[in-house]
Amino acid sequence: MNNLIIALDGAWKVLVAGLLLGAGIPALYALAVNGLAMAQGGEASGKPANPAGKIVAGVLLFIILTLVAYGLAWLIFTSLGFKVGFNGPFPTFSK
């Protein structure tokens, strides 16, 4: 019974990480594209242009680019033998 609890504890952590990083980033991108479409308005949507959509899209695209940059930094520097830490908003690299 104890092994089952340990397995389920690890499984929910993997599930949350997969949802956040696997499906979460494309979902943010879809919301950013929706914000850009909302900013354009037009006949297809039947609604007037809304400039707040550009702000929403800009914030979401900034978050996506930041996550991609952090992921690439982690991948590159760990393959070079560095230890990567996040002790603030910026990653730190140590040998």
PDB file of N, CA and C in Angstrom:
ATOM      1  N   MET A   1       0.821  -1.199   0.000  1.00  0.00           N
ATOM      2  CA  MET A   1       0.000   0.000   0.000  1.00  0.00           C
ATOM      3  C   MET A   1       0.860   1.255   0.000  1.00  0.00           C
ATOM      4  N   ASN A   2       1.998   1.191   0.693  1.00  0.00           N
ATOM      5  CA  ASN A   2       2.892   2.341   0.755  1.00  0.00           C
ATOM      6  C   ASN A   2       3.479   2.656  -0.620  1.00  0.00           C
ATOM      7  N   ASN A   3       3.764   1.627  -1.414  1.00  0.00           N
ATOM      8  CA  ASN A   3       4.298   1.848  -2.758  1.00  0.00           C
ATOM      9  C   ASN A   3       3.274   2.530  -3.652  1.00  0.00           C
ATOM     10  N   LEU A   4       2.012   2.203  -3.481  1.00  0.00           N
ATOM     11  CA  LEU A   4       0.960   2.833  -4.268  1.00  0.00           C
ATOM     12  C   LEU A   4       0.869   4.320  -3.952  1.00  0.00           C
ATOM     13  N   ILE A   5       0.984   4.683  -2.704  1.00  0.00           N
ATOM     14  CA  ILE A   5       0.928   6.092  -2.312  1.00  0.00           C
ATOM     15  C   ILE A   5       2.119   6.844  -2.887  1.00  0.00           C
ATOM     16  N   ILE A   6       3.294   6.233  -2.851  1.00  0.00           N
ATOM     17  CA  ILE A   6       4.497   6.865  -3.420  1.00  0.00           C
ATOM     18  C   ILE A   6       4.337   7.041  -4.923  1.00  0.00           C
ATOM     19  N   ALA A   7       3.798   6.028  -5.600  1.00  0.00           N
ATOM     20  CA  ALA A   7       3.597   6.106  -7.052  1.00  0.00           C
ATOM     21  C   ALA A   7       2.579   7.177  -7.415  1.00  0.00           C
ATOM     22  N   LEU A   8       1.488   7.256  -6.688  1.00  0.00           N
ATOM     23  CA  LEU A   8       0.474   8.273  -6.965  1.00  0.00           C
ATOM     24  C   LEU A   8       0.988   9.677  -6.666  1.00  0.00           C
ATOM     25  N   ASP A   9       1.840   9.808  -5.649  1.00  0.00           N
ATOM     26  CA  ASP A   9       2.429  11.113  -5.335  1.00  0.00           C
ATOM     27  C   ASP A   9       3.300  11.595  -6.492  1.00  0.00           C
ATOM     28  N   GLY A  10       4.082  10.707  -7.059  1.00  0.00           N
ATOM     29  CA  GLY A  10       4.903  11.087  -8.209  1.00  0.00           C
ATOM     30  C   GLY A  10       4.075  11.303  -9.463  1.00  0.00           C
ATOM     31  N   ALA A  11       3.008  10.535  -9.615  1.00  0.00           N
ATOM     32  CA  ALA A  11       2.188  10.631 -10.822  1.00  0.00           C
ATOM     33  C   ALA A  11       1.471  11.971 -10.918  1.00  0.00           C
ATOM     34  N   TRP A  12       0.955  12.492  -9.813  1.00  0.00           N
ATOM     35  CA  TRP A  12       0.247  13.771  -9.909  1.00  0.00           C
ATOM     36  C   TRP A  12       1.211  14.907 -10.204  1.00  0.00           C
ATOM     37  N   LYS A  13       2.461  14.794  -9.725  1.00  0.00           N
ATOM     38  CA  LYS A  13       3.445  15.837 -10.034  1.00  0.00           C
ATOM     39  C   LYS A  13       3.792  15.827 -11.520  1.00  0.00           C
ATOM     40  N   VAL A  14       3.939  14.648 -12.088  1.00  0.00           N
ATOM     41  CA  VAL A  14       4.219  14.532 -13.524  1.00  0.00           C
ATOM     42  C   VAL A  14       3.030  15.039 -14.335  1.00  0.00           C
ATOM     43  N   LEU A  15       1.814  14.736 -13.896  1.00  0.00           N
ATOM     44  CA  LEU A  15       0.619  15.189 -14.590  1.00  0.00           C
ATOM     45  C   LEU A  15       0.522  16.713 -14.599  1.00  0.00           C
ATOM     46  N   VAL A  16       0.771  17.338 -13.464  1.00  0.00           N
ATOM     47  CA  VAL A  16       0.702  18.803 -13.384  1.00  0.00           C
ATOM     48  C   VAL A  16       1.780  19.443 -14.257  1.00  0.00           C
ATOM     49  N   ALA A  17       3.002  18.913 -14.206  1.00  0.00           N
ATOM     50  CA  ALA A  17       4.079  19.457 -15.036  1.00  0.00           C
ATOM     51  C   ALA A  17       3.763  19.278 -16.515  1.00  0.00           C
ATOM     52  N   GLY A  18       3.204  18.155 -16.883  1.00  0.00           N
ATOM     53  CA  GLY A  18       2.840  17.920 -18.276  1.00  0.00           C
ATOM     54  C   GLY A  18       1.746  18.853 -18.753  1.00  0.00           C
ATOM     55  N   LEU A  19       0.764  19.105 -17.890  1.00  0.00           N
ATOM     56  CA  LEU A  19      -0.311  20.018 -18.267  1.00  0.00           C
ATOM     57  C   LEU A  19       0.191  21.453 -18.391  1.00  0.00           C
ATOM     58  N   LEU A  20       1.042  21.859 -17.455  1.00  0.00           N
ATOM     59  CA  LEU A  20       1.538  23.233 -17.490  1.00  0.00           C
ATOM     60  C   LEU A  20       2.483  23.464 -18.666  1.00  0.00           C
ATOM     61  N   LEU A  21       3.444  22.580 -18.830  1.00  0.00           N
ATOM     62  CA  LEU A  21       4.461  22.794 -19.853  1.00  0.00           C
ATOM     63  C   LEU A  21       4.095  22.160 -21.190  1.00  0.00           C
ATOM     64  N   GLY A  22       3.368  21.069 -21.160  1.00  0.00           N
ATOM     65  CA  GLY A  22       3.026  20.399 -22.404  1.00  0.00           C
ATOM     66  C   GLY A  22       1.826  21.008 -23.099  1.00  0.00           C
ATOM     67  N   ALA A  23       0.772  21.245 -22.367  1.00  0.00           N
ATOM     68  CA  ALA A  23      -0.446  21.791 -22.956  1.00  0.00           C
ATOM     69  C   ALA A  23      -0.668  23.240 -22.569  1.00  0.00           C
ATOM     70  N   GLY A  24      -0.005  23.706 -21.535  1.00  0.00           N
ATOM     71  CA  GLY A  24      -0.221  25.071 -21.063  1.00  0.00           C
ATOM     72  C   GLY A  24       0.333  26.134 -21.997  1.00  0.00           C
ATOM     73  N   ILE A  25       1.529  25.901 -22.516  1.00  0.00           N
ATOM     74  CA  ILE A  25       2.144  26.900 -23.395  1.00  0.00           C
ATOM     75  C   ILE A  25       1.383  27.024 -24.718  1.00  0.00           C
ATOM     76  N   PRO A  26       1.000  25.929 -25.381  1.00  0.00           N
ATOM     77  CA  PRO A  26       0.163  26.099 -26.580  1.00  0.00           C
ATOM     78  C   PRO A  26      -1.199  26.735 -26.281  1.00  0.00           C
ATOM     79  N   ALA A  27      -1.740  26.493 -25.101  1.00  0.00           N
ATOM     80  CA  ALA A  27      -3.004  27.131 -24.742  1.00  0.00           C
ATOM     81  C   ALA A  27      -2.809  28.639 -24.583  1.00  0.00           C
ATOM     82  N   LEU A  28      -1.687  29.049 -23.993  1.00  0.00           N
ATOM     83  CA  LEU A  28      -1.396  30.486 -23.894  1.00  0.00           C
ATOM     84  C   LEU A  28      -1.240  31.105 -25.280  1.00  0.00           C
ATOM     85  N   TYR A  29      -0.603  30.368 -26.192  1.00  0.00           N
ATOM     86  CA  TYR A  29      -0.436  30.865 -27.555  1.00  0.00           C
ATOM     87  C   TYR A  29      -1.796  31.024 -28.237  1.00  0.00           C
ATOM     88  N   ALA A  30      -2.683  30.069 -28.029  1.00  0.00           N
ATOM     89  CA  ALA A  30      -4.020  30.168 -28.617  1.00  0.00           C
ATOM     90  C   ALA A  30      -4.761  31.391 -28.077  1.00  0.00           C
ATOM     91  N   LEU A  31      -4.609  31.662 -26.785  1.00  0.00           N
ATOM     92  CA  LEU A  31      -5.243  32.855 -26.213  1.00  0.00           C
ATOM     93  C   LEU A  31      -4.624  34.136 -26.768  1.00  0.00           C
ATOM     94  N   ALA A  32      -3.309  34.122 -27.026  1.00  0.00           N
ATOM     95  CA  ALA A  32      -2.649  35.292 -27.610  1.00  0.00           C
ATOM     96  C   ALA A  32      -3.160  35.550 -29.029  1.00  0.00           C
ATOM     97  N   VAL A  33      -3.296  34.502 -29.814  1.00  0.00           N
ATOM     98  CA  VAL A  33      -3.827  34.659 -31.170  1.00  0.00           C
ATOM     99  C   VAL A  33      -5.277  35.138 -31.119  1.00  0.00           C
ATOM    100  N   ASN A  34      -6.035  34.638 -30.164  1.00  0.00           N
ATOM    101  CA  ASN A  34      -7.406  35.096 -29.988  1.00  0.00           C
ATOM    102  C   ASN A  34      -7.426  36.581 -29.619  1.00  0.00           C
ATOM    103  N   GLY A  35      -6.474  37.013 -28.785  1.00  0.00           N
ATOM    104  CA  GLY A  35      -6.391  38.428 -28.436  1.00  0.00           C
ATOM    105  C   GLY A  35      -6.076  39.295 -29.641  1.00  0.00           C
ATOM    106  N   LEU A  36      -5.197  38.803 -30.510  1.00  0.00           N
ATOM    107  CA  LEU A  36      -4.897  39.560 -31.731  1.00  0.00           C
ATOM    108  C   LEU A  36      -6.110  39.633 -32.652  1.00  0.00           C
ATOM    109  N   ALA A  37      -6.858  38.539 -32.728  1.00  0.00           N
ATOM    110  CA  ALA A  37      -8.072  38.557 -33.547  1.00  0.00           C
ATOM    111  C   ALA A  37      -9.103  39.505 -32.952  1.00  0.00           C
ATOM    112  N   MET A  38      -9.191  39.547 -31.632  1.00  0.00           N
ATOM    113  CA  MET A  38     -10.120  40.448 -30.968  1.00  0.00           C
ATOM    114  C   MET A  38      -9.717  41.905 -31.221  1.00  0.00           C
ATOM    115  N   ALA A  39      -8.414  42.147 -31.300  1.00  0.00           N
ATOM    116  CA  ALA A  39      -7.939  43.510 -31.543  1.00  0.00           C
ATOM    117  C   ALA A  39      -8.274  43.972 -32.955  1.00  0.00           C
ATOM    118  N   GLN A  40      -8.344  43.027 -33.891  1.00  0.00           N
ATOM    119  CA  GLN A  40      -8.650  43.382 -35.278  1.00  0.00           C
ATOM    120  C   GLN A  40     -10.140  43.612 -35.495  1.00  0.00           C
ATOM    121  N   GLY A  41     -10.961  42.810 -34.798  1.00  0.00           N
ATOM    122  CA  GLY A  41     -12.404  42.906 -35.026  1.00  0.00           C
ATOM    123  C   GLY A  41     -12.729  42.455 -36.442  1.00  0.00           C
ATOM    124  N   GLY A  42     -13.717  43.042 -37.057  1.00  0.00           N
ATOM    125  CA  GLY A  42     -14.008  42.760 -38.456  1.00  0.00           C
ATOM    126  C   GLY A  42     -15.291  42.007 -38.671  1.00  0.00           C
ATOM    127  N   GLU A  43     -15.522  41.682 -39.946  1.00  0.00           N
ATOM    128  CA  GLU A  43     -16.766  41.038 -40.334  1.00  0.00           C
ATOM    129  C   GLU A  43     -16.852  39.595 -39.859  1.00  0.00           C
ATOM    130  N   ALA A  44     -15.724  38.915 -39.808  1.00  0.00           N
ATOM    131  CA  ALA A  44     -15.750  37.497 -39.454  1.00  0.00           C
ATOM    132  C   ALA A  44     -16.231  37.300 -38.011  1.00  0.00           C
ATOM    133  N   SER A  45     -15.792  38.181 -37.111  1.00  0.00           N
ATOM    134  CA  SER A  45     -16.203  38.029 -35.717  1.00  0.00           C
ATOM    135  C   SER A  45     -17.510  38.744 -35.431  1.00  0.00           C
ATOM    136  N   GLY A  46     -17.856  39.716 -36.245  1.00  0.00           N
ATOM    137  CA  GLY A  46     -19.086  40.463 -36.030  1.00  0.00           C
ATOM    138  C   GLY A  46     -19.002  41.449 -34.881  1.00  0.00           C
ATOM    139  N   LYS A  47     -17.790  41.693 -34.409  1.00  0.00           N
ATOM    140  CA  LYS A  47     -17.603  42.602 -33.279  1.00  0.00           C
ATOM    141  C   LYS A  47     -16.660  43.724 -33.690  1.00  0.00           C
ATOM    142  N   PRO A  48     -16.753  44.878 -33.033  1.00  0.00           N
ATOM    143  CA  PRO A  48     -15.821  45.966 -33.352  1.00  0.00           C
ATOM    144  C   PRO A  48     -14.420  45.675 -32.811  1.00  0.00           C
ATOM    145  N   ALA A  49     -13.454  46.384 -33.347  1.00  0.00           N
ATOM    146  CA  ALA A  49     -12.070  46.208 -32.911  1.00  0.00           C
ATOM    147  C   ALA A  49     -11.923  46.610 -31.444  1.00  0.00           C
ATOM    148  N   ASN A  50     -11.103  45.856 -30.708  1.00  0.00           N
ATOM    149  CA  ASN A  50     -10.882  46.118 -29.291  1.00  0.00           C
ATOM    150  C   ASN A  50      -9.370  46.194 -29.050  1.00  0.00           C
ATOM    151  N   PRO A  51      -8.834  47.385 -28.776  1.00  0.00           N
ATOM    152  CA  PRO A  51      -7.381  47.512 -28.606  1.00  0.00           C
ATOM    153  C   PRO A  51      -6.827  46.777 -27.386  1.00  0.00           C
ATOM    154  N   ALA A  52      -7.685  46.400 -26.446  1.00  0.00           N
ATOM    155  CA  ALA A  52      -7.202  45.646 -25.281  1.00  0.00           C
ATOM    156  C   ALA A  52      -6.689  44.271 -25.689  1.00  0.00           C
ATOM    157  N   GLY A  53      -7.141  43.769 -26.831  1.00  0.00           N
ATOM    158  CA  GLY A  53      -6.670  42.482 -27.318  1.00  0.00           C
ATOM    159  C   GLY A  53      -5.181  42.478 -27.611  1.00  0.00           C
ATOM    160  N   LYS A  54      -4.659  43.615 -28.091  1.00  0.00           N
ATOM    161  CA  LYS A  54      -3.217  43.701 -28.352  1.00  0.00           C
ATOM    162  C   LYS A  54      -2.420  43.645 -27.059  1.00  0.00           C
ATOM    163  N   ILE A  55      -2.943  44.246 -26.022  1.00  0.00           N
ATOM    164  CA  ILE A  55      -2.248  44.218 -24.729  1.00  0.00           C
ATOM    165  C   ILE A  55      -2.241  42.798 -24.172  1.00  0.00           C
ATOM    166  N   VAL A  56      -3.385  42.131 -24.239  1.00  0.00           N
ATOM    167  CA  VAL A  56      -3.475  40.745 -23.765  1.00  0.00           C
ATOM    168  C   VAL A  56      -2.522  39.861 -24.560  1.00  0.00           C
ATOM    169  N   ALA A  57      -2.528  40.008 -25.876  1.00  0.00           N
ATOM    170  CA  ALA A  57      -1.655  39.198 -26.726  1.00  0.00           C
ATOM    171  C   ALA A  57      -0.188  39.487 -26.443  1.00  0.00           C
ATOM    172  N   GLY A  58       0.154  40.747 -26.238  1.00  0.00           N
ATOM    173  CA  GLY A  58       1.540  41.099 -25.946  1.00  0.00           C
ATOM    174  C   GLY A  58       2.035  40.500 -24.648  1.00  0.00           C
ATOM    175  N   VAL A  59       1.216  40.558 -23.620  1.00  0.00           N
ATOM    176  CA  VAL A  59       1.591  39.980 -22.318  1.00  0.00           C
ATOM    177  C   VAL A  59       1.754  38.464 -22.435  1.00  0.00           C
ATOM    178  N   LEU A  60       0.811  37.817 -23.092  1.00  0.00           N
ATOM    179  CA  LEU A  60       0.888  36.361 -23.232  1.00  0.00           C
ATOM    180  C   LEU A  60       2.083  35.937 -24.077  1.00  0.00           C
ATOM    181  N   LEU A  61       2.360  36.648 -25.151  1.00  0.00           N
ATOM    182  CA  LEU A  61       3.521  36.305 -25.981  1.00  0.00           C
ATOM    183  C   LEU A  61       4.828  36.550 -25.228  1.00  0.00           C
ATOM    184  N   PHE A  62       4.867  37.568 -24.383  1.00  0.00           N
ATOM    185  CA  PHE A  62       6.054  37.796 -23.559  1.00  0.00           C
ATOM    186  C   PHE A  62       6.271  36.644 -22.580  1.00  0.00           C
ATOM    187  N   ILE A  63       5.199  36.163 -21.977  1.00  0.00           N
ATOM    188  CA  ILE A  63       5.303  35.025 -21.060  1.00  0.00           C
ATOM    189  C   ILE A  63       5.792  33.788 -21.805  1.00  0.00           C
ATOM    190  N   ILE A  64       5.252  33.551 -22.992  1.00  0.00           N
ATOM    191  CA  ILE A  64       5.658  32.384 -23.780  1.00  0.00           C
ATOM    192  C   ILE A  64       7.133  32.471 -24.150  1.00  0.00           C
ATOM    193  N   LEU A  65       7.574  33.622 -24.624  1.00  0.00           N
ATOM    194  CA  LEU A  65       8.984  33.779 -25.005  1.00  0.00           C
ATOM    195  C   LEU A  65       9.913  33.637 -23.803  1.00  0.00           C
ATOM    196  N   THR A  66       9.490  34.118 -22.649  1.00  0.00           N
ATOM    197  CA  THR A  66      10.291  33.960 -21.435  1.00  0.00           C
ATOM    198  C   THR A  66      10.417  32.488 -21.061  1.00  0.00           C
ATOM    199  N   LEU A  67       9.322  31.749 -21.117  1.00  0.00           N
ATOM    200  CA  LEU A  67       9.370  30.319 -20.800  1.00  0.00           C
ATOM    201  C   LEU A  67      10.250  29.550 -21.779  1.00  0.00           C
ATOM    202  N   VAL A  68      10.182  29.903 -23.058  1.00  0.00           N
ATOM    203  CA  VAL A  68      11.018  29.238 -24.060  1.00  0.00           C
ATOM    204  C   VAL A  68      12.488  29.565 -23.817  1.00  0.00           C
ATOM    205  N   ALA A  69      12.801  30.816 -23.495  1.00  0.00           N
ATOM    206  CA  ALA A  69      14.190  31.197 -23.225  1.00  0.00           C
ATOM    207  C   ALA A  69      14.728  30.479 -21.987  1.00  0.00           C
ATOM    208  N   TYR A  70      13.928  30.391 -20.935  1.00  0.00           N
ATOM    209  CA  TYR A  70      14.349  29.658 -19.734  1.00  0.00           C
ATOM    210  C   TYR A  70      14.575  28.181 -20.057  1.00  0.00           C
ATOM    211  N   GLY A  71      13.685  27.587 -20.843  1.00  0.00           N
ATOM    212  CA  GLY A  71      13.829  26.186 -21.207  1.00  0.00           C
ATOM    213  C   GLY A  71      15.077  25.937 -22.033  1.00  0.00           C
ATOM    214  N   LEU A  72      15.353  26.813 -22.990  1.00  0.00           N
ATOM    215  CA  LEU A  72      16.569  26.664 -23.798  1.00  0.00           C
ATOM    216  C   LEU A  72      17.820  26.867 -22.955  1.00  0.00           C
ATOM    217  N   ALA A  73      17.792  27.840 -22.054  1.00  0.00           N
ATOM    218  CA  ALA A  73      18.955  28.060 -21.181  1.00  0.00           C
ATOM    219  C   ALA A  73      19.208  26.840 -20.312  1.00  0.00           C
ATOM    220  N   TRP A  74      18.156  26.255 -19.759  1.00  0.00           N
ATOM    221  CA  TRP A  74      18.319  25.064 -18.927  1.00  0.00           C
ATOM    222  C   TRP A  74      18.884  23.913 -19.757  1.00  0.00           C
ATOM    223  N   LEU A  75      18.342  23.707 -20.943  1.00  0.00           N
ATOM    224  CA  LEU A  75      18.777  22.606 -21.797  1.00  0.00           C
ATOM    225  C   LEU A  75      20.235  22.766 -22.214  1.00  0.00           C
ATOM    226  N   ILE A  76      20.613  23.939 -22.636  1.00  0.00           N
ATOM    227  CA  ILE A  76      21.980  24.173 -23.120  1.00  0.00           C
ATOM    228  C   ILE A  76      22.987  24.076 -21.982  1.00  0.00           C
ATOM    229  N   PHE A  77      22.724  24.745 -20.887  1.00  0.00           N
ATOM    230  CA  PHE A  77      23.716  24.794 -19.823  1.00  0.00           C
ATOM    231  C   PHE A  77      23.825  23.487 -19.040  1.00  0.00           C
ATOM    232  N   THR A  78      22.741  22.733 -18.901  1.00  0.00           N
ATOM    233  CA  THR A  78      22.878  21.436 -18.245  1.00  0.00           C
ATOM    234  C   THR A  78      23.636  20.455 -19.130  1.00  0.00           C
ATOM    235  N   SER A  79      23.511  20.576 -20.446  1.00  0.00           N
ATOM    236  CA  SER A  79      24.268  19.689 -21.325  1.00  0.00           C
ATOM    237  C   SER A  79      25.748  20.049 -21.338  1.00  0.00           C
ATOM    238  N   LEU A  80      26.088  21.260 -20.950  1.00  0.00           N
ATOM    239  CA  LEU A  80      27.492  21.674 -20.859  1.00  0.00           C
ATOM    240  C   LEU A  80      28.088  21.418 -19.478  1.00  0.00           C
ATOM    241  N   GLY A  81      27.316  20.841 -18.577  1.00  0.00           N
ATOM    242  CA  GLY A  81      27.817  20.479 -17.255  1.00  0.00           C
ATOM    243  C   GLY A  81      27.600  21.526 -16.179  1.00  0.00           C
ATOM    244  N   PHE A  82      26.810  22.523 -16.444  1.00  0.00           N
ATOM    245  CA  PHE A  82      26.516  23.550 -15.442  1.00  0.00           C
ATOM    246  C   PHE A  82      25.322  23.128 -14.610  1.00  0.00           C
ATOM    247  N   LYS A  83      25.248  23.652 -13.402  1.00  0.00           N
ATOM    248  CA  LYS A  83      24.066  23.495 -12.572  1.00  0.00           C
ATOM    249  C   LYS A  83      23.238  24.761 -12.714  1.00  0.00           C
ATOM    250  N   VAL A  84      21.968  24.597 -12.964  1.00  0.00           N
ATOM    251  CA  VAL A  84      21.084  25.736 -13.193  1.00  0.00           C
ATOM    252  C   VAL A  84      20.194  25.910 -11.972  1.00  0.00           C
ATOM    253  N   GLY A  85      20.151  27.134 -11.454  1.00  0.00           N
ATOM    254  CA  GLY A  85      19.297  27.449 -10.323  1.00  0.00           C
ATOM    255  C   GLY A  85      18.444  28.655 -10.639  1.00  0.00           C
ATOM    256  N   PHE A  86      17.302  28.744  -9.990  1.00  0.00           N
ATOM    257  CA  PHE A  86      16.405  29.877 -10.174  1.00  0.00           C
ATOM    258  C   PHE A  86      16.190  30.524  -8.814  1.00  0.00           C
ATOM    259  N   ASN A  87      17.117  31.387  -8.413  1.00  0.00           N
ATOM    260  CA  ASN A  87      17.028  32.065  -7.132  1.00  0.00           C
ATOM    261  C   ASN A  87      16.437  33.448  -7.266  1.00  0.00           C
ATOM    262  N   GLY A  88      15.696  33.683  -8.296  1.00  0.00           N
ATOM    263  CA  GLY A  88      15.089  34.972  -8.570  1.00  0.00           C
ATOM    264  C   GLY A  88      14.467  34.911  -9.942  1.00  0.00           C
ATOM    265  N   PRO A  89      14.273  36.069 -10.562  1.00  0.00           N
ATOM    266  CA  PRO A  89      13.656  36.040 -11.888  1.00  0.00           C
ATOM    267  C   PRO A  89      14.598  35.549 -12.989  1.00  0.00           C
ATOM    268  N   PHE A  90      15.899  35.559 -12.720  1.00  0.00           N
ATOM    269  CA  PHE A  90      16.864  35.151 -13.720  1.00  0.00           C
ATOM    270  C   PHE A  90      17.552  33.863 -13.294  1.00  0.00           C
ATOM    271  N   PRO A  91      17.815  32.965 -14.243  1.00  0.00           N
ATOM    272  CA  PRO A  91      18.519  31.732 -13.871  1.00  0.00           C
ATOM    273  C   PRO A  91      19.980  32.002 -13.541  1.00  0.00           C
ATOM    274  N   THR A  92      20.531  31.203 -12.644  1.00  0.00           N
ATOM    275  CA  THR A  92      21.953  31.307 -12.311  1.00  0.00           C
ATOM    276  C   THR A  92      22.634  30.006 -12.730  1.00  0.00           C
ATOM    277  N   PHE A  93      23.847  30.109 -13.223  1.00  0.00           N
ATOM    278  CA  PHE A  93      24.592  28.956 -13.720  1.00  0.00           C
ATOM    279  C   PHE A  93      25.893  28.838 -12.939  1.00  0.00           C
ATOM    280  N   SER A  94      26.159  27.634 -12.452  1.00  0.00           N
ATOM    281  CA  SER A  94      27.412  27.404 -11.718  1.00  0.00           C
ATOM    282  C   SER A  94      27.998  26.072 -12.179  1.00  0.00           C
ATOM    283  N   LYS A  95      29.284  25.976 -12.136  1.00  0.00           N
ATOM    284  CA  LYS A  95      29.988  24.771 -12.579  1.00  0.00           C
ATOM    285  C   LYS A  95      29.994  23.721 -11.525  1.00  0.00           C
TER     286      LYS A  95
END
